[in-house]
Protein backbone atom coordinates (compact mmCIF):
# COMPACT_ATOMS: atom_id res chain seq x y z
CA MET A 1 13.98 19.52 -15.79
CA GLU A 2 16.43 16.28 -15.65
CA ILE A 3 15.39 12.85 -14.69
CA GLU A 4 17.29 10.58 -13.18
CA ILE A 5 16.44 6.37 -12.86
CA ARG A 6 17.44 4.25 -10.98
CA ARG A 7 17.08 0.48 -10.04
CA VAL A 8 17.26 -0.39 -6.01
CA ASP A 9 16.28 -3.78 -4.51
CA TRP A 10 15.47 -3.75 -0.89
CA PRO A 11 15.92 -7.30 0.40
CA PHE A 12 13.11 -8.77 2.53
CA ALA A 13 14.06 -9.79 6.06
CA GLN A 14 12.91 -13.39 5.51
CA GLU A 15 11.38 -14.42 2.83
CA PHE A 16 7.43 -12.82 1.89
CA ARG A 17 4.79 -15.16 0.64
CA ILE A 18 1.27 -14.09 -0.16
CA ALA A 19 -0.92 -16.68 -1.99
CA SER A 20 -0.22 -15.99 -5.93
CA ARG A 21 4.14 -15.38 -4.96
CA SER A 22 6.68 -15.43 -2.86
CA GLN A 23 9.71 -12.86 -2.82
CA SER A 24 12.95 -12.15 -0.77
CA VAL A 25 13.30 -8.90 -2.22
CA ALA A 26 11.14 -5.68 -3.13
CA GLU A 27 12.15 -4.96 -6.34
CA THR A 28 12.01 -1.15 -6.80
CA VAL A 29 12.64 1.96 -9.66
CA GLU A 30 13.67 5.62 -7.80
CA VAL A 31 13.09 8.60 -9.53
CA ARG A 32 15.00 11.92 -9.08
CA ILE A 33 13.73 14.90 -10.90
CA SER A 34 15.62 18.23 -10.98
CA GLU A 35 15.06 21.90 -11.56
CA GLY A 36 16.67 24.86 -10.60
CA GLY A 37 19.42 23.24 -7.83
CA LEU A 38 16.83 21.46 -6.50
CA THR A 39 15.84 17.65 -6.75
CA GLY A 40 12.43 15.64 -5.69
CA ARG A 41 12.77 11.95 -5.22
CA GLY A 42 10.15 9.43 -5.82
CA GLU A 43 9.58 5.62 -5.77
CA ALA A 44 8.04 3.14 -7.01
CA MET A 45 6.93 -1.15 -7.01
CA GLY A 46 4.60 -1.56 -9.40
CA VAL A 47 1.81 -3.36 -9.69
CA TYR A 48 2.82 -7.55 -9.58
CA TYR A 49 -0.61 -8.47 -10.94
CA HIS A 50 -1.03 -5.84 -14.06
CA GLY A 51 2.22 -7.26 -15.25
CA GLU A 52 4.58 -4.54 -14.08
CA THR A 53 8.15 -5.16 -12.69
CA ALA A 54 10.83 -2.86 -11.62
CA ASP A 55 12.68 -3.09 -15.50
CA SER A 56 8.85 -2.71 -17.23
CA ILE A 57 8.65 0.79 -14.88
CA TYR A 58 12.92 1.61 -15.73
CA GLU A 59 12.03 1.20 -19.39
CA THR A 60 8.74 3.28 -19.45
CA LEU A 61 10.41 5.80 -17.47
CA ARG A 62 13.62 5.92 -20.09
CA SER A 63 10.93 6.35 -23.34
CA PHE A 64 9.35 9.29 -20.75
CA ARG A 65 12.92 11.09 -20.28
CA ALA A 66 12.22 13.47 -23.04
CA GLU A 67 8.88 14.14 -21.64
CA VAL A 68 10.09 15.66 -18.54
CA GLY A 69 12.89 17.48 -20.30
CA ARG A 70 10.15 19.32 -21.93
CA GLY A 71 8.81 20.14 -18.34
CA VAL A 72 5.86 18.86 -17.11
CA THR A 73 3.74 19.48 -14.17
CA ARG A 74 1.43 16.68 -11.89
CA GLU A 75 -1.51 17.69 -13.57
CA HIS A 76 -0.75 16.98 -16.99
CA LEU A 77 1.27 13.69 -15.75
CA GLN A 78 -1.98 12.07 -15.47
CA THR A 79 -2.74 12.70 -18.86
CA LEU A 80 0.58 11.17 -20.27
CA LEU A 81 0.86 8.07 -18.34
CA PRO A 82 -1.33 5.52 -16.87
CA PRO A 83 -2.05 4.83 -13.58
CA GLY A 84 0.93 2.55 -12.28
CA GLY A 85 4.31 2.37 -11.17
CA ALA A 86 6.03 4.69 -13.36
CA ARG A 87 3.70 7.53 -13.34
CA ASN A 88 3.68 6.76 -9.26
CA ALA A 89 7.65 7.53 -9.12
CA VAL A 90 7.39 10.76 -11.29
CA ASP A 91 4.54 12.03 -9.33
CA CYS A 92 5.91 11.53 -6.03
CA ALA A 93 9.09 13.05 -7.23
CA LEU A 94 7.30 16.27 -8.54
CA TRP A 95 5.24 16.28 -4.93
CA ASP A 96 8.37 16.29 -3.24
CA LEU A 97 10.04 19.14 -5.99
CA GLU A 98 7.09 20.93 -5.52
CA ALA A 99 7.05 20.78 -1.74
CA LYS A 100 11.01 22.06 -2.31
CA ARG A 101 10.32 25.18 -4.30
CA SER A 102 7.26 26.73 -1.98
CA GLY A 103 9.01 25.93 1.26
CA ARG A 104 6.24 24.30 2.67
CA ARG A 105 5.85 20.54 3.47
CA ALA A 106 4.09 18.21 0.93
CA TRP A 107 0.86 17.84 3.40
CA GLU A 108 0.80 21.48 3.34
CA VAL A 109 0.85 21.62 -0.44
CA ALA A 110 -2.00 18.81 -0.39
CA GLY A 111 -4.20 20.93 2.06
CA LEU A 112 -3.50 19.34 5.36
CA SER A 113 -2.21 21.70 8.23
CA LYS A 114 -0.70 19.42 10.15
CA VAL A 115 -0.21 15.37 10.54
CA GLU A 116 -0.03 12.89 13.35
CA PRO A 117 2.04 9.80 13.90
CA LEU A 118 0.14 6.56 12.18
CA VAL A 119 -0.22 3.03 13.81
CA SER A 120 0.54 0.39 10.91
CA ALA A 121 -0.44 -2.93 10.79
CA TYR A 122 2.67 -5.10 10.60
CA THR A 123 2.63 -7.89 7.56
CA LEU A 124 3.04 -11.59 8.57
CA SER A 125 3.59 -13.58 5.57
CA LEU A 126 1.47 -16.24 4.57
CA ASP A 127 2.86 -20.43 6.28
CA SER A 128 1.77 -22.90 8.05
CA PRO A 129 -0.54 -22.19 10.74
CA ARG A 130 2.20 -23.15 13.23
CA ASN A 131 4.84 -20.99 11.53
CA MET A 132 2.29 -18.02 11.76
CA ARG A 133 1.55 -18.63 15.52
CA GLU A 134 5.36 -18.91 15.97
CA ALA A 135 5.40 -15.57 13.77
CA ALA A 136 2.81 -13.59 15.88
CA ALA A 137 4.19 -14.80 18.88
CA ALA A 138 7.75 -13.25 17.91
CA VAL A 139 6.64 -9.61 17.38
CA PRO A 140 4.91 -8.22 20.97
CA ALA A 141 5.52 -4.98 20.03
CA TYR A 142 3.05 -4.85 17.29
CA PRO A 143 -0.66 -4.21 18.01
CA ILE A 144 -2.15 -5.01 14.68
CA LEU A 145 -0.95 -7.90 13.00
CA LYS A 146 -2.32 -8.34 9.28
CA LEU A 147 -2.13 -11.84 8.05
CA LYS A 148 -1.67 -13.04 4.35
CA LEU A 149 -3.98 -15.84 3.94
CA GLY A 150 -4.12 -18.05 0.85
CA GLY A 151 -7.33 -20.43 1.17
CA GLU A 152 -7.11 -24.03 2.29
CA GLY A 153 -6.46 -23.93 5.95
CA ASP A 154 -6.82 -20.02 6.63
CA PRO A 155 -9.43 -20.25 10.05
CA GLU A 156 -6.55 -22.65 11.73
CA ARG A 157 -4.16 -20.34 10.52
CA VAL A 158 -6.09 -17.30 12.04
CA ALA A 159 -7.19 -19.21 15.25
CA GLU A 160 -3.14 -20.04 16.16
CA VAL A 161 -2.05 -16.68 15.64
CA ARG A 162 -5.46 -15.91 17.97
CA ALA A 163 -3.68 -18.19 20.29
CA ALA A 164 -0.49 -16.55 20.44
CA ARG A 165 -1.80 -13.03 20.49
CA PRO A 166 -5.07 -12.31 22.32
CA ASP A 167 -4.07 -8.54 22.61
CA ALA A 168 -3.61 -8.11 18.87
CA THR A 169 -6.24 -6.50 16.75
CA ILE A 170 -6.21 -8.85 13.55
CA THR A 171 -7.24 -7.98 9.78
CA VAL A 172 -6.34 -10.64 7.19
CA ASP A 173 -5.67 -10.79 3.76
CA ALA A 174 -6.67 -13.19 1.29
CA ASN A 175 -5.53 -11.66 -1.87
CA GLN A 176 -8.27 -12.56 -4.59
CA ALA A 177 -7.72 -16.32 -3.13
CA TRP A 178 -11.08 -17.72 -2.17
CA ASN A 179 -13.97 -18.83 -4.16
CA GLU A 180 -17.20 -18.57 -3.24
CA ARG A 181 -17.95 -21.75 -0.87
CA GLN A 182 -14.68 -20.38 1.19
CA LEU A 183 -16.96 -16.53 1.61
CA ARG A 184 -19.55 -18.41 3.09
CA GLU A 185 -17.28 -20.64 5.09
CA PHE A 186 -14.85 -18.93 6.19
CA VAL A 187 -16.18 -15.49 7.47
CA PRO A 188 -18.46 -16.67 10.24
CA LYS A 189 -15.55 -18.48 11.80
CA LEU A 190 -13.11 -15.64 11.45
CA ALA A 191 -15.40 -13.06 13.15
CA ASP A 192 -15.45 -15.39 15.76
CA LEU A 193 -11.96 -14.91 16.31
CA GLY A 194 -11.71 -11.53 16.44
CA VAL A 195 -10.75 -10.54 13.07
CA VAL A 196 -11.91 -6.99 12.16
CA LEU A 197 -11.52 -6.68 8.53
CA ILE A 198 -11.14 -8.91 5.59
CA GLU A 199 -9.07 -7.61 1.95
CA GLN A 200 -10.49 -8.34 -1.05
CA PRO A 201 -11.45 -12.43 -0.38
CA LEU A 202 -12.30 -13.09 -4.19
CA PRO A 203 -10.83 -12.46 -7.35
CA ALA A 204 -11.31 -9.12 -8.48
CA ASP A 205 -12.98 -10.20 -11.56
CA ALA A 206 -15.26 -12.44 -9.80
CA ASP A 207 -16.56 -10.43 -6.57
CA GLU A 208 -20.26 -9.91 -7.80
CA PRO A 209 -21.16 -12.49 -4.69
CA LEU A 210 -20.50 -9.94 -2.57
CA ALA A 211 -23.29 -7.98 -3.63
CA SER A 212 -25.55 -10.03 -1.75
CA PHE A 213 -23.16 -11.16 1.17
CA LYS A 214 -24.40 -10.31 4.49
CA SER A 215 -20.37 -10.37 5.53
CA ALA A 216 -20.09 -10.46 9.56
CA VAL A 217 -16.64 -8.82 8.91
CA PRO A 218 -16.16 -5.71 7.29
CA LEU A 219 -14.78 -6.24 3.58
CA CYS A 220 -11.89 -4.07 1.84
CA ALA A 221 -11.67 -3.81 -2.00
CA ASP A 222 -7.85 -3.96 -2.44
CA GLU A 223 -6.98 -5.62 -5.97
CA SER A 224 -10.64 -4.88 -7.26
CA CYS A 225 -10.02 -1.00 -6.64
CA GLN A 226 -7.21 1.03 -8.38
CA THR A 227 -8.46 4.46 -9.52
CA ARG A 228 -11.50 6.44 -9.07
CA ALA A 229 -12.58 5.15 -12.24
CA SER A 230 -12.82 1.86 -9.58
CA LEU A 231 -15.62 3.15 -7.27
CA PRO A 232 -19.05 2.54 -9.29
CA ARG A 233 -18.43 -1.16 -9.30
CA LEU A 234 -17.42 -1.41 -5.72
CA ARG A 235 -20.87 0.17 -4.33
CA GLY A 236 -22.56 -2.53 -2.03
CA LYS A 237 -19.91 -5.16 -2.40
CA TYR A 238 -17.26 -3.31 0.29
CA ARG A 239 -17.09 -1.42 3.24
CA PHE A 240 -13.51 0.00 2.55
CA ILE A 241 -10.92 0.51 -0.07
CA ASN A 242 -7.09 0.26 0.27
CA ILE A 243 -5.47 2.72 -1.61
CA LYS A 244 -1.99 2.11 -2.80
CA LEU A 245 0.17 4.61 -4.66
CA ASP A 246 1.66 1.57 -6.96
CA LYS A 247 -1.85 1.39 -7.94
CA THR A 248 -3.80 4.90 -8.46
CA GLY A 249 -0.32 6.12 -10.00
CA GLY A 250 0.99 8.82 -7.33
CA LEU A 251 0.02 10.88 -4.75
CA THR A 252 -2.36 12.87 -6.82
CA GLU A 253 -4.69 10.22 -8.12
CA ALA A 254 -4.53 8.79 -4.36
CA LEU A 255 -5.71 11.96 -2.60
CA ALA A 256 -8.51 12.50 -5.24
CA LEU A 257 -9.50 9.03 -4.90
CA ALA A 258 -9.58 8.76 -1.09
CA ARG A 259 -11.75 12.11 -1.39
CA ASP A 260 -14.41 10.81 -3.93
CA ALA A 261 -14.39 7.71 -1.94
CA GLN A 262 -15.21 9.14 1.23
CA ALA A 263 -17.57 11.31 -0.15
CA GLU A 264 -19.60 8.12 -1.49
CA GLY A 265 -19.75 6.87 2.00
CA PHE A 266 -16.07 4.10 1.97
CA GLU A 267 -14.05 4.01 4.95
CA LEU A 268 -10.22 3.83 3.79
CA MET A 269 -7.37 1.93 4.08
CA VAL A 270 -3.84 3.30 3.27
CA GLY A 271 -1.40 0.27 2.39
CA CYS A 272 1.73 -0.51 0.08
CA MET A 273 3.27 -3.03 -2.17
CA ALA A 274 6.72 -3.22 -0.10
CA GLY A 275 9.55 -0.68 -0.28
CA SER A 276 11.37 1.94 1.50
CA SER A 277 11.05 4.81 3.47
CA LEU A 278 10.97 7.02 0.65
CA GLY A 279 7.88 4.54 -1.18
CA MET A 280 6.06 5.06 2.24
CA ALA A 281 6.50 8.96 2.79
CA PRO A 282 4.35 10.38 0.54
CA ALA A 283 1.81 7.40 1.33
CA PHE A 284 2.04 8.95 5.47
CA ILE A 285 -0.23 12.05 4.00
CA VAL A 286 -2.87 9.50 2.85
CA GLY A 287 -3.03 8.00 5.83
CA GLN A 288 -3.82 10.96 7.73
CA LEU A 289 -7.29 10.17 5.61
CA CYS A 290 -7.60 7.09 7.14
CA ARG A 291 -8.99 4.53 9.54
CA VAL A 292 -6.71 1.62 8.55
CA VAL A 293 -2.74 2.05 7.79
CA ASP A 294 -0.75 -0.73 6.26
CA LEU A 295 2.78 1.08 5.89
CA ASP A 296 5.13 -1.97 7.33
CA GLY A 297 7.23 -2.12 3.84
CA PRO A 298 10.68 -0.48 5.84
CA LEU A 299 9.64 -2.99 8.82
CA LEU A 300 9.78 -6.20 6.41
CA ALA A 301 12.95 -5.24 4.99
CA ALA A 302 16.47 -5.45 5.69
CA ALA A 303 17.84 -2.19 5.13
CA ASP A 304 16.41 1.39 4.53
CA VAL A 305 17.40 4.89 3.03
CA ALA A 306 19.22 7.10 4.28
CA HIS A 307 16.97 9.32 7.02
CA PRO A 308 14.81 6.62 6.84
CA ILE A 309 11.11 7.29 8.43
CA ARG A 310 11.30 6.73 12.12
CA TYR A 311 9.77 3.70 13.74
CA GLU A 312 8.52 2.84 17.31
CA GLY A 313 6.92 -0.55 17.11
CA SER A 314 4.06 0.17 14.67
CA ARG A 315 4.16 3.95 15.67
CA MET A 316 5.35 5.58 12.34
CA PHE A 317 6.17 9.27 12.58
CA PRO A 318 6.06 12.19 9.68
CA PRO A 319 8.83 11.37 7.50
CA ASP A 320 12.29 13.95 7.86
CA LEU A 321 12.66 16.84 5.27
CA SER A 322 16.14 15.32 4.47
CA LEU A 323 13.72 12.15 2.98
CA TRP A 324 10.97 13.43 1.18
CA GLY A 325 8.43 16.49 1.16
């Protein structure tokens, strides 16, 4: 096996802001693994709140080059690299390579006989209430809006978006920005505004109050849920978990997490950090198991890979053979 590693930046169409940071570019790493005339590809952005960057992923993969040269399976990979962006890129490249070797689509390798188009949320960046209202009004083709929130003023942000888009299904993502007072104050207001899901309201290391909180809106664990090892401490706090391949370290662990979480009674969401259609393609398979889908990375970017995933508004179609899997 041979591995090629390269940095690829995907500029956002507009500056993208969440509670803890803003970005103008999604910095990713693309991996290509070749053997026997076939090449598999994977893309990762990493988990920023774990300190991962495209540079750190690139350096990890450079050090891992010898392991790939000796030949590595997806199963063995899980023991060689920890969850995170580096393992994600390699794991997804191995899935792509395995699909090409077998002459089957990656979802068939994963045990799915067929896949259906998905309807993805479209994310609105954190901004003033007025600006978020204008942003919502500007995207009438997207029926599901996910609002990035940041603390004080959040009910007003949601109210403005609701006024602009009374037709929209609205979910919100606080990205750990609320405290317990805000949780108790904001949730009833958001319920009245028709919000259907709240992601990660409290910091992952301070979410114990959720165990005794009777939420009027279903709560979803994002930063609190990384891999299967996270599940025990999520019970009684969250109804949903958000599965992201950069967190799980690839499609292999993501599928295992999805199935274990379902067995424990959690409902599923699939999400993304950002990136191109190459990063969304393996997550599309996870999306087949999920009630909530947030795979809008290419919709927020100014450019995409060749042979990108086709979106019609929020409707997301299976990746083409020439892209992945």
